[in-house]
Protein backbone atom coordinates (compact mmCIF):
# COMPACT_ATOMS: atom_id res chain seq x y z
CA MET A 1 40.43 42.93 75.01
CA PHE A 2 42.13 42.20 71.71
CA ILE A 3 44.04 44.50 69.40
CA ARG A 4 42.54 44.38 65.94
CA ALA A 5 44.89 43.04 63.30
CA ILE A 6 45.54 45.96 60.95
CA LEU A 7 43.80 49.11 59.83
CA VAL A 8 44.48 50.56 56.44
CA VAL A 9 45.99 54.02 56.71
CA GLY A 10 46.24 54.29 52.98
CA ALA A 11 45.72 51.88 50.11
CA VAL A 12 47.41 52.97 46.92
CA VAL A 13 46.57 51.08 43.75
CA LEU A 14 49.59 50.98 41.47
CA PRO A 15 50.22 49.38 38.07
CA PHE A 16 51.92 46.00 38.55
CA HIS A 17 50.99 43.81 35.61
CA ALA A 18 47.92 42.97 33.63
CA SER A 19 46.20 40.78 36.24
CA ALA A 20 47.26 42.24 39.60
CA GLU A 21 46.87 45.34 41.75
CA VAL A 22 49.44 46.54 44.29
CA PHE A 23 48.45 47.99 47.67
CA SER A 24 50.37 49.77 50.42
CA HIS A 25 49.29 49.36 54.06
CA SER A 26 50.64 50.67 57.36
CA ILE A 27 50.72 48.22 60.29
CA THR A 28 49.15 49.74 63.40
CA SER A 29 48.89 46.78 65.80
CA SER A 30 50.89 43.79 67.00
CA SER A 31 48.51 40.96 66.08
CA MET A 32 50.89 39.67 63.35
CA TYR A 33 53.97 40.08 65.56
CA PRO A 34 56.82 39.22 65.00
CA THR A 35 56.24 38.87 61.25
CA LEU A 36 54.77 42.36 61.00
CA ILE A 37 55.49 45.04 63.62
CA PRO A 38 53.68 48.34 64.24
CA GLY A 39 55.27 50.97 62.03
CA ASP A 40 55.93 48.58 59.14
CA LEU A 41 54.83 49.70 55.69
CA ILE A 42 53.93 46.62 53.68
CA GLY A 43 53.32 45.97 50.01
CA ALA A 44 50.64 43.50 48.92
CA SER A 45 49.33 42.51 45.52
CA SER A 46 46.28 40.61 44.36
CA PHE A 47 46.56 36.95 43.46
CA THR A 48 47.23 36.29 39.79
CA ASP A 49 45.29 33.74 37.75
CA SER A 50 48.11 31.22 38.19
CA GLU A 51 48.22 31.56 42.02
CA THR A 52 46.13 29.89 44.69
CA ILE A 53 45.61 30.90 48.31
CA ALA A 54 47.91 28.59 50.25
CA ARG A 55 48.43 27.73 53.89
CA GLY A 56 51.04 30.04 55.38
CA ASP A 57 50.24 32.97 53.09
CA VAL A 58 50.01 36.34 54.83
CA VAL A 59 47.00 38.01 53.25
CA THR A 60 44.90 41.14 53.49
CA HIS A 61 41.14 40.75 53.63
CA HIS A 62 38.01 42.83 54.01
CA GLN A 63 35.87 42.56 57.11
CA LYS A 64 32.93 44.51 58.51
CA SER A 65 33.81 46.50 61.65
CA GLU A 66 31.11 48.59 63.32
CA GLY A 67 29.29 48.79 60.00
CA ASP A 68 32.34 49.82 57.96
CA LYS A 69 34.38 47.59 55.65
CA VAL A 70 37.95 47.51 56.97
CA THR A 71 41.08 45.76 55.67
CA TYR A 72 43.01 43.44 58.00
CA VAL A 73 46.06 41.22 57.62
CA ARG A 74 46.34 37.67 58.95
CA ARG A 75 47.94 34.34 58.10
CA VAL A 76 46.11 31.51 56.31
CA ILE A 77 46.05 28.45 58.58
CA GLY A 78 42.99 26.39 57.59
CA LEU A 79 41.91 25.61 54.02
CA PRO A 80 38.43 24.84 52.68
CA GLY A 81 37.17 21.45 53.85
CA GLU A 82 39.68 21.12 56.70
CA ARG A 83 39.03 20.72 60.42
CA VAL A 84 41.02 23.16 62.56
CA GLN A 85 41.48 23.27 66.32
CA LEU A 86 43.86 24.71 68.91
CA LYS A 87 44.79 22.53 71.89
CA ASP A 88 47.12 23.89 74.58
CA GLY A 89 48.48 26.39 72.05
CA VAL A 90 49.14 23.78 69.34
CA VAL A 91 47.32 23.93 65.98
CA TYR A 92 45.66 20.72 64.80
CA ILE A 93 44.71 20.28 61.14
CA ASN A 94 42.40 17.30 60.61
CA GLU A 95 43.50 16.09 64.08
CA ASN A 96 47.21 16.25 63.14
CA PRO A 97 49.31 18.70 65.24
CA LEU A 98 51.58 21.27 63.64
CA ARG A 99 55.09 20.90 65.05
CA LEU A 100 56.42 23.70 67.25
CA GLU A 101 60.07 24.40 68.05
CA LEU A 102 61.17 26.84 70.73
CA VAL A 103 63.15 29.83 69.44
CA ASP A 104 65.49 31.31 72.04
CA LYS A 105 66.06 34.67 70.40
CA LEU A 106 65.06 36.56 67.27
CA PRO A 107 67.60 39.02 65.79
CA GLY A 108 66.37 42.58 66.08
CA VAL A 109 63.03 41.59 67.66
CA THR A 110 61.93 41.92 71.27
CA CYS A 111 58.68 40.89 72.96
CA PRO A 112 55.53 42.81 72.05
CA GLU A 113 53.54 44.55 74.76
CA ASN A 114 51.95 41.84 76.92
CA PHE A 115 48.55 43.11 78.03
CA LEU A 116 47.65 39.68 79.44
CA ASP A 117 50.41 39.69 82.06
CA PRO A 118 52.95 42.54 81.91
CA GLU A 119 55.28 40.59 84.23
CA GLU A 120 55.37 37.49 82.03
CA ALA A 121 57.94 37.28 79.22
CA CYS A 122 56.84 36.19 75.76
CA THR A 123 57.91 32.97 74.10
CA PHE A 124 58.74 32.59 70.39
CA PHE A 125 58.10 29.35 68.51
CA ARG A 126 58.71 28.14 64.96
CA GLU A 127 55.47 26.64 63.63
CA PHE A 128 55.85 24.17 60.76
CA SER A 129 53.43 23.33 57.96
CA PRO A 130 51.89 19.82 58.01
CA ASN A 131 54.54 18.50 55.61
CA GLY A 132 57.34 20.31 57.45
CA ASP A 133 58.60 22.09 54.32
CA GLU A 134 57.66 25.62 55.41
CA SER A 135 57.53 27.47 58.70
CA HIS A 136 57.05 30.84 60.34
CA ILE A 137 57.52 32.37 63.77
CA ILE A 138 54.69 32.87 66.25
CA VAL A 139 54.71 34.44 69.71
CA SER A 140 52.93 33.33 72.87
CA LEU A 141 52.28 35.86 75.62
CA LYS A 142 50.75 33.47 78.17
CA SER A 143 50.75 29.70 78.57
CA ASP A 144 47.01 29.44 79.28
CA ALA A 145 45.49 32.26 77.26
CA ILE A 146 41.81 32.29 76.37
CA GLY A 147 42.45 31.32 72.74
CA ASP A 148 44.85 28.43 73.45
CA ASN A 149 42.02 25.87 73.47
CA THR A 150 39.16 26.01 70.99
CA LYS A 151 36.41 23.87 69.60
CA GLU A 152 37.01 22.12 66.28
CA PHE A 153 36.16 24.37 63.33
CA ASN A 154 34.99 22.88 60.02
CA VAL A 155 36.11 25.27 57.28
CA PRO A 156 33.35 25.66 54.66
CA ALA A 157 33.90 25.57 50.91
CA ASP A 158 35.38 28.80 49.50
CA HIS A 159 36.35 29.99 53.00
CA TYR A 160 39.59 30.12 54.99
CA PHE A 161 40.61 30.08 58.64
CA LEU A 162 42.96 32.99 59.39
CA TRP A 163 45.03 33.59 62.54
CA GLY A 164 47.47 36.19 63.77
CA ASP A 165 51.05 35.18 64.55
CA ASN A 166 50.66 36.89 67.94
CA ARG A 167 48.43 34.05 69.08
CA ASP A 168 47.34 35.56 72.38
CA ASN A 169 46.53 39.01 71.01
CA SER A 170 44.70 38.60 67.73
CA LEU A 171 40.98 38.97 67.02
CA ASP A 172 40.95 36.32 64.28
CA SER A 173 38.89 33.37 63.02
CA ARG A 174 38.81 31.79 66.48
CA PHE A 175 36.61 34.64 67.65
CA GLY A 176 34.19 37.17 66.13
CA PRO A 177 35.34 37.30 62.50
CA GLY A 178 34.93 33.54 61.95
CA PHE A 179 35.70 32.03 58.56
CA ILE A 180 36.84 34.43 55.83
CA ALA A 181 35.27 34.05 52.40
CA LYS A 182 37.59 33.71 49.43
CA SER A 183 35.86 36.71 47.86
CA ASP A 184 36.91 38.87 50.84
CA ILE A 185 40.62 38.03 50.52
CA VAL A 186 42.15 40.93 48.64
CA ALA A 187 45.90 40.37 48.29
CA LYS A 188 49.01 38.53 49.43
CA VAL A 189 51.65 40.44 51.40
CA ARG A 190 54.82 40.38 49.27
CA MET A 191 57.25 42.67 51.09
CA ILE A 192 57.91 45.08 53.94
CA TRP A 193 58.83 48.32 52.22
CA SER A 194 60.02 50.14 55.33
CA SER A 195 60.08 49.65 59.09
CA GLN A 196 60.80 51.53 62.29
CA THR A 197 62.27 48.30 63.72
CA PRO A 198 65.93 47.43 63.07
CA GLY A 199 66.80 44.10 61.49
CA ASP A 200 66.22 42.20 58.26
CA ARG A 201 62.67 42.98 57.12
CA ASP A 202 62.79 40.35 54.37
CA ALA A 203 63.86 37.68 56.87
CA ARG A 204 60.94 38.56 59.16
CA LEU A 205 58.37 38.18 56.40
CA LYS A 206 59.92 34.88 55.30
CA GLY A 207 59.89 33.45 58.81
CA PHE A 208 63.56 33.95 59.72
CA PRO A 209 64.77 31.10 57.46
CA ASP A 210 68.41 31.39 58.61
CA LEU A 211 67.39 30.36 62.14
CA LYS A 212 66.31 26.88 61.02
């Protein structure tokens, strides 16, 4: 079983500026761990006319769940027109692997609950963008999880391939939800307003840049 990415406890539309709306969401699952942790209250705002949806963005999007439209949060990995695949836990974009670096320890962050194998410790990795300029932290709960090897996905026009940073516990584009239409992407996560977890919230959302 997979924990669904995020359910909206409350979405508050606030004035931000002429072309954007601001939303508040409470994180209730660990599918975006360690970037977002259950108990986090995040702030997201809609994309402005001058912004584009980019790889690495953490976004909220609408998705049908048991007949209801629910809001989830995931990370943009594949862009329109790209070919995306996971091989042995490594992301391939147009047959080019994204570089992974082992991270020994994250400040203020422990392993999430491992429902795949409670006796097995998690492993954190830094995953780099294709050009190596940007990166974020992902977590692996098991070396041979069901989602570690996939078919090659061809991302259609005006759609995106979204994954959770908790790669072994995220019901994302590899599975039922499939590709996410641009029209269903609501906002970009801009900040973590509050958290029940100690540590630097801003650093978590930015991918722990000081650990590079």
